[in-house]
Amino acid sequence: MPESRRAAGRLRKLRKIFTKPQYTAVFIIAILVYYSLFYYIITKSNYGLFLVSAPIYAVYLLTLTSGILATISAYVIASRLKYSEALEYGASGSITLLAGGVIASCACQVPIFVSLLYILGASVADVTLVTFYIASYQIYIIAALILANMALVYHYLGKIS
């Protein structure tokens, strides 16, 4: 029973944030910015074409959960809580979104990514193997990123007083 009360309290906090028009606006802007960033990553990695090899609903869910994290971050900044925590909240959503963009478009073949693997000491076979695994398991990786965002939302709502 205590866990359900804790979850209900976090849901009330989330409702409190989203019932204020300024945070709803922040949420909409964050979603638009994140989706634009996602779109940019995919089109850059696919030579100008928006080709997503992952289900589009996964892209939308990842963008949505990242937008919620950005909105919580804006709320924390406006509430004059710790600024460093707010940056952490917003950065978490951005990082998972960028990773999702790379994975959904299989941008793992982008020269920057491949160059980083070579700098880390990977051979051609290693790079090919990493690319293959990312392409093969991308839906599971994106699902894990969405779950990570949801867990972060739950965790950060628990830290807000």
Foldseek 3Di string as FASTA:
>chain_A
DVVVVLQVLLVVLLVVLCVDVVLVVQLVVQLVVLVVVLQVLLCVLVVRDNDFPEDVVLLSLLSNLLSSLLSLLVVCVVVVHDNVVSVVSNVLSNVLSVVLSCLRNLSCVPPVNVVVCVVVPDDPVRSVVVSVVSPVCVNVSSVVSSVVSVVSSSVSSSVDD
